[in-house]
N, C-alpha and C. Protein backbone atom coordinates (compact mmCIF):
# COMPACT_ATOMS: atom_id res chain seq x y z
N MET A 1 -44.04 -1.65 30.39
CA MET A 1 -43.61 -0.36 29.87
C MET A 1 -44.56 0.08 28.77
N THR A 2 -44.68 1.37 28.62
CA THR A 2 -45.55 1.89 27.57
C THR A 2 -44.90 1.73 26.21
N GLN A 3 -45.71 1.86 25.17
CA GLN A 3 -45.19 1.79 23.79
C GLN A 3 -44.07 2.80 23.60
N GLN A 4 -44.29 4.02 24.01
CA GLN A 4 -43.30 5.07 23.78
C GLN A 4 -42.00 4.80 24.52
N GLN A 5 -42.10 4.28 25.73
CA GLN A 5 -40.89 3.95 26.48
C GLN A 5 -40.07 2.86 25.78
N ILE A 6 -40.76 1.84 25.27
CA ILE A 6 -40.06 0.75 24.58
C ILE A 6 -39.49 1.25 23.26
N ILE A 7 -40.24 2.04 22.53
CA ILE A 7 -39.75 2.60 21.26
C ILE A 7 -38.49 3.42 21.51
N SER A 8 -38.52 4.25 22.54
CA SER A 8 -37.34 5.06 22.87
C SER A 8 -36.15 4.18 23.25
N ALA A 9 -36.40 3.16 24.04
CA ALA A 9 -35.32 2.25 24.46
C ALA A 9 -34.72 1.51 23.27
N ILE A 10 -35.57 1.04 22.37
CA ILE A 10 -35.06 0.33 21.18
C ILE A 10 -34.27 1.28 20.29
N THR A 11 -34.78 2.47 20.11
CA THR A 11 -34.07 3.46 19.30
C THR A 11 -32.72 3.78 19.90
N SER A 12 -32.66 3.90 21.21
CA SER A 12 -31.40 4.16 21.89
C SER A 12 -30.44 2.97 21.74
N THR A 13 -30.96 1.76 21.80
CA THR A 13 -30.14 0.56 21.71
C THR A 13 -29.62 0.33 20.29
N ALA A 14 -30.50 0.44 19.31
CA ALA A 14 -30.14 0.08 17.93
C ALA A 14 -29.52 1.24 17.15
N GLY A 15 -29.78 2.45 17.57
CA GLY A 15 -29.25 3.59 16.84
C GLY A 15 -29.85 3.69 15.45
N ILE A 16 -29.05 4.08 14.47
CA ILE A 16 -29.57 4.27 13.11
C ILE A 16 -29.40 3.02 12.24
N HIS A 17 -28.78 2.00 12.78
CA HIS A 17 -28.49 0.79 12.00
C HIS A 17 -29.55 -0.28 12.25
N LEU A 18 -30.80 0.05 12.01
CA LEU A 18 -31.90 -0.86 12.31
C LEU A 18 -31.81 -2.17 11.55
N SER A 19 -31.31 -2.15 10.34
CA SER A 19 -31.27 -3.37 9.53
C SER A 19 -30.31 -4.42 10.09
N LEU A 20 -29.47 -4.04 11.02
CA LEU A 20 -28.54 -4.99 11.64
C LEU A 20 -29.16 -5.71 12.83
N TRP A 21 -30.36 -5.30 13.22
CA TRP A 21 -30.99 -5.82 14.42
C TRP A 21 -32.18 -6.69 14.09
N GLN A 22 -32.47 -7.61 14.99
CA GLN A 22 -33.64 -8.49 14.93
C GLN A 22 -34.60 -8.04 16.01
N ILE A 23 -35.90 -8.01 15.71
CA ILE A 23 -36.92 -7.67 16.71
C ILE A 23 -37.94 -8.80 16.77
N GLY A 24 -38.51 -8.99 17.93
CA GLY A 24 -39.56 -9.99 18.07
C GLY A 24 -40.35 -9.77 19.34
N ILE A 25 -41.39 -10.58 19.48
CA ILE A 25 -42.20 -10.55 20.69
C ILE A 25 -42.34 -11.99 21.18
N THR A 26 -42.44 -12.13 22.49
CA THR A 26 -42.54 -13.45 23.09
C THR A 26 -43.19 -13.36 24.46
N GLN A 27 -43.66 -14.49 24.93
CA GLN A 27 -44.16 -14.55 26.29
C GLN A 27 -43.23 -15.40 27.17
N ASP A 28 -42.15 -15.86 26.58
CA ASP A 28 -41.13 -16.62 27.31
C ASP A 28 -39.75 -16.19 26.81
N PRO A 29 -39.23 -15.07 27.33
CA PRO A 29 -37.96 -14.54 26.81
C PRO A 29 -36.79 -15.53 26.91
N SER A 30 -36.70 -16.28 27.97
CA SER A 30 -35.59 -17.23 28.11
C SER A 30 -35.63 -18.31 27.03
N GLU A 31 -36.81 -18.84 26.79
CA GLU A 31 -36.96 -19.88 25.76
C GLU A 31 -36.66 -19.30 24.38
N ARG A 32 -37.15 -18.11 24.12
CA ARG A 32 -36.97 -17.51 22.80
C ARG A 32 -35.49 -17.19 22.54
N LYS A 33 -34.83 -16.67 23.56
CA LYS A 33 -33.40 -16.38 23.42
C LYS A 33 -32.62 -17.67 23.15
N ALA A 34 -32.94 -18.73 23.87
CA ALA A 34 -32.29 -20.02 23.65
C ALA A 34 -32.57 -20.53 22.24
N HIS A 35 -33.78 -20.34 21.76
CA HIS A 35 -34.12 -20.76 20.39
C HIS A 35 -33.22 -20.05 19.37
N TRP A 36 -33.13 -18.74 19.49
CA TRP A 36 -32.32 -17.98 18.54
C TRP A 36 -30.84 -18.39 18.61
N ARG A 37 -30.37 -18.63 19.82
CA ARG A 37 -28.96 -18.99 20.00
C ARG A 37 -28.69 -20.43 19.56
N ASP A 38 -29.50 -21.37 20.01
CA ASP A 38 -29.20 -22.79 19.83
C ASP A 38 -29.75 -23.38 18.53
N THR A 39 -30.92 -22.94 18.11
CA THR A 39 -31.55 -23.49 16.91
C THR A 39 -31.21 -22.68 15.67
N GLU A 40 -31.26 -21.37 15.79
CA GLU A 40 -31.02 -20.50 14.64
C GLU A 40 -29.55 -20.07 14.55
N HIS A 41 -28.76 -20.39 15.57
CA HIS A 41 -27.33 -20.08 15.61
C HIS A 41 -27.04 -18.60 15.41
N GLN A 42 -27.83 -17.78 16.11
CA GLN A 42 -27.67 -16.34 16.07
C GLN A 42 -26.89 -15.86 17.29
N ASP A 43 -26.16 -14.78 17.12
CA ASP A 43 -25.42 -14.17 18.22
C ASP A 43 -26.39 -13.32 19.04
N VAL A 44 -26.68 -13.73 20.25
CA VAL A 44 -27.65 -13.02 21.09
C VAL A 44 -26.98 -12.27 22.23
N ARG A 45 -25.69 -11.99 22.09
CA ARG A 45 -24.98 -11.33 23.20
C ARG A 45 -25.53 -9.94 23.48
N TYR A 46 -26.17 -9.29 22.51
CA TYR A 46 -26.73 -7.96 22.74
C TYR A 46 -28.25 -8.00 22.96
N TRP A 47 -28.76 -9.17 23.32
CA TRP A 47 -30.18 -9.37 23.59
C TRP A 47 -30.65 -8.40 24.67
N THR A 48 -31.74 -7.71 24.38
CA THR A 48 -32.39 -6.85 25.36
C THR A 48 -33.88 -7.05 25.22
N GLU A 49 -34.59 -7.05 26.32
CA GLU A 49 -36.05 -7.27 26.29
C GLU A 49 -36.74 -6.28 27.22
N TRP A 50 -37.98 -5.99 26.88
CA TRP A 50 -38.79 -5.06 27.67
C TRP A 50 -40.19 -5.63 27.80
N PRO A 51 -40.80 -5.53 28.99
CA PRO A 51 -42.19 -5.97 29.14
C PRO A 51 -43.14 -4.93 28.55
N ALA A 52 -44.01 -5.38 27.69
CA ALA A 52 -44.99 -4.48 27.07
C ALA A 52 -46.25 -4.43 27.93
N ASP A 53 -46.98 -3.34 27.81
CA ASP A 53 -48.23 -3.21 28.55
C ASP A 53 -49.30 -4.18 28.06
N SER A 54 -49.21 -4.60 26.80
CA SER A 54 -50.19 -5.53 26.24
C SER A 54 -49.61 -6.20 25.00
N LEU A 55 -50.24 -7.29 24.60
CA LEU A 55 -49.86 -7.97 23.36
C LEU A 55 -50.05 -7.04 22.17
N ALA A 56 -51.14 -6.29 22.18
CA ALA A 56 -51.41 -5.36 21.07
C ALA A 56 -50.30 -4.31 20.96
N ASP A 57 -49.86 -3.77 22.08
CA ASP A 57 -48.76 -2.80 22.07
C ASP A 57 -47.49 -3.44 21.50
N ALA A 58 -47.19 -4.65 21.96
CA ALA A 58 -45.99 -5.35 21.49
C ALA A 58 -46.04 -5.55 19.98
N ARG A 59 -47.19 -5.95 19.47
CA ARG A 59 -47.33 -6.15 18.02
C ARG A 59 -47.15 -4.84 17.26
N ASP A 60 -47.70 -3.76 17.80
CA ASP A 60 -47.54 -2.45 17.16
C ASP A 60 -46.07 -2.02 17.10
N ILE A 61 -45.36 -2.24 18.20
CA ILE A 61 -43.94 -1.87 18.26
C ILE A 61 -43.14 -2.70 17.25
N GLU A 62 -43.40 -4.00 17.23
CA GLU A 62 -42.70 -4.87 16.28
C GLU A 62 -42.97 -4.42 14.84
N ALA A 63 -44.22 -4.13 14.53
CA ALA A 63 -44.58 -3.71 13.17
C ALA A 63 -43.89 -2.39 12.80
N LEU A 64 -43.82 -1.47 13.73
CA LEU A 64 -43.17 -0.19 13.48
C LEU A 64 -41.71 -0.39 13.08
N PHE A 65 -40.98 -1.17 13.87
CA PHE A 65 -39.56 -1.34 13.59
C PHE A 65 -39.32 -2.23 12.37
N LYS A 66 -40.21 -3.18 12.11
CA LYS A 66 -40.10 -3.97 10.87
C LYS A 66 -40.25 -3.05 9.66
N SER A 67 -41.19 -2.12 9.73
CA SER A 67 -41.40 -1.21 8.60
C SER A 67 -40.23 -0.26 8.42
N ASP A 68 -39.45 -0.06 9.49
CA ASP A 68 -38.26 0.79 9.42
C ASP A 68 -37.00 0.01 9.06
N GLY A 69 -37.14 -1.31 8.82
CA GLY A 69 -36.01 -2.08 8.32
C GLY A 69 -35.43 -3.13 9.24
N MET A 70 -35.95 -3.27 10.46
CA MET A 70 -35.45 -4.33 11.35
C MET A 70 -35.92 -5.68 10.84
N LYS A 71 -35.09 -6.70 11.07
CA LYS A 71 -35.46 -8.07 10.73
C LYS A 71 -36.39 -8.61 11.80
N SER A 72 -37.20 -9.60 11.42
CA SER A 72 -38.10 -10.22 12.38
C SER A 72 -38.33 -11.66 11.99
N GLY A 73 -38.51 -12.50 12.99
CA GLY A 73 -38.79 -13.91 12.74
C GLY A 73 -40.27 -14.15 12.53
N VAL A 74 -40.60 -15.42 12.43
CA VAL A 74 -41.99 -15.83 12.25
C VAL A 74 -42.70 -15.78 13.59
N GLY A 75 -43.90 -15.25 13.60
CA GLY A 75 -44.66 -15.16 14.84
C GLY A 75 -45.24 -16.48 15.27
N GLY A 76 -45.63 -16.56 16.51
CA GLY A 76 -46.24 -17.77 17.05
C GLY A 76 -47.55 -17.45 17.73
N ASP A 77 -48.10 -18.44 18.39
CA ASP A 77 -49.35 -18.27 19.13
C ASP A 77 -49.06 -17.55 20.43
N LEU A 78 -49.63 -16.39 20.59
CA LEU A 78 -49.46 -15.63 21.82
C LEU A 78 -50.83 -15.33 22.41
N SER A 79 -50.90 -15.32 23.74
CA SER A 79 -52.15 -15.08 24.43
C SER A 79 -52.21 -13.64 24.95
N PRO A 80 -53.33 -12.96 24.71
CA PRO A 80 -53.45 -11.59 25.23
C PRO A 80 -53.53 -11.55 26.76
N SER A 81 -53.72 -12.69 27.42
CA SER A 81 -53.83 -12.70 28.88
C SER A 81 -52.49 -12.94 29.57
N LYS A 82 -51.42 -13.19 28.81
CA LYS A 82 -50.10 -13.43 29.41
C LYS A 82 -49.21 -12.22 29.20
N PRO A 83 -48.23 -12.01 30.09
CA PRO A 83 -47.27 -10.93 29.87
C PRO A 83 -46.51 -11.14 28.55
N THR A 84 -46.28 -10.05 27.84
CA THR A 84 -45.62 -10.13 26.54
C THR A 84 -44.40 -9.20 26.57
N TYR A 85 -43.34 -9.66 25.95
CA TYR A 85 -42.08 -8.92 25.91
C TYR A 85 -41.70 -8.62 24.48
N VAL A 86 -41.11 -7.46 24.28
CA VAL A 86 -40.49 -7.09 23.01
C VAL A 86 -39.00 -7.26 23.21
N TYR A 87 -38.35 -7.90 22.24
CA TYR A 87 -36.91 -8.09 22.36
C TYR A 87 -36.20 -7.67 21.09
N VAL A 88 -34.96 -7.30 21.23
CA VAL A 88 -34.09 -7.04 20.08
C VAL A 88 -32.73 -7.65 20.37
N PHE A 89 -32.04 -7.99 19.30
CA PHE A 89 -30.66 -8.43 19.42
C PHE A 89 -29.97 -8.24 18.08
């Protein structure tokens, strides 16, 4: 999905209460969701993810929503050659 499509989808999902949401990027959504649920003990029932066109796009989207007040975890090693997903919960 394009940056604008993901931004629109996140805005639609989170509404105006951005500070209540967590945003992140990953190349393994299932593993990351399990991490948040099992290791960090977070409620992931509203988990939603979108495939980004590139790692750079995903990073830009994450940075935009972080600057608008969304919470974010610590980043990891991601490869620009693998599919990357933006997620919120």
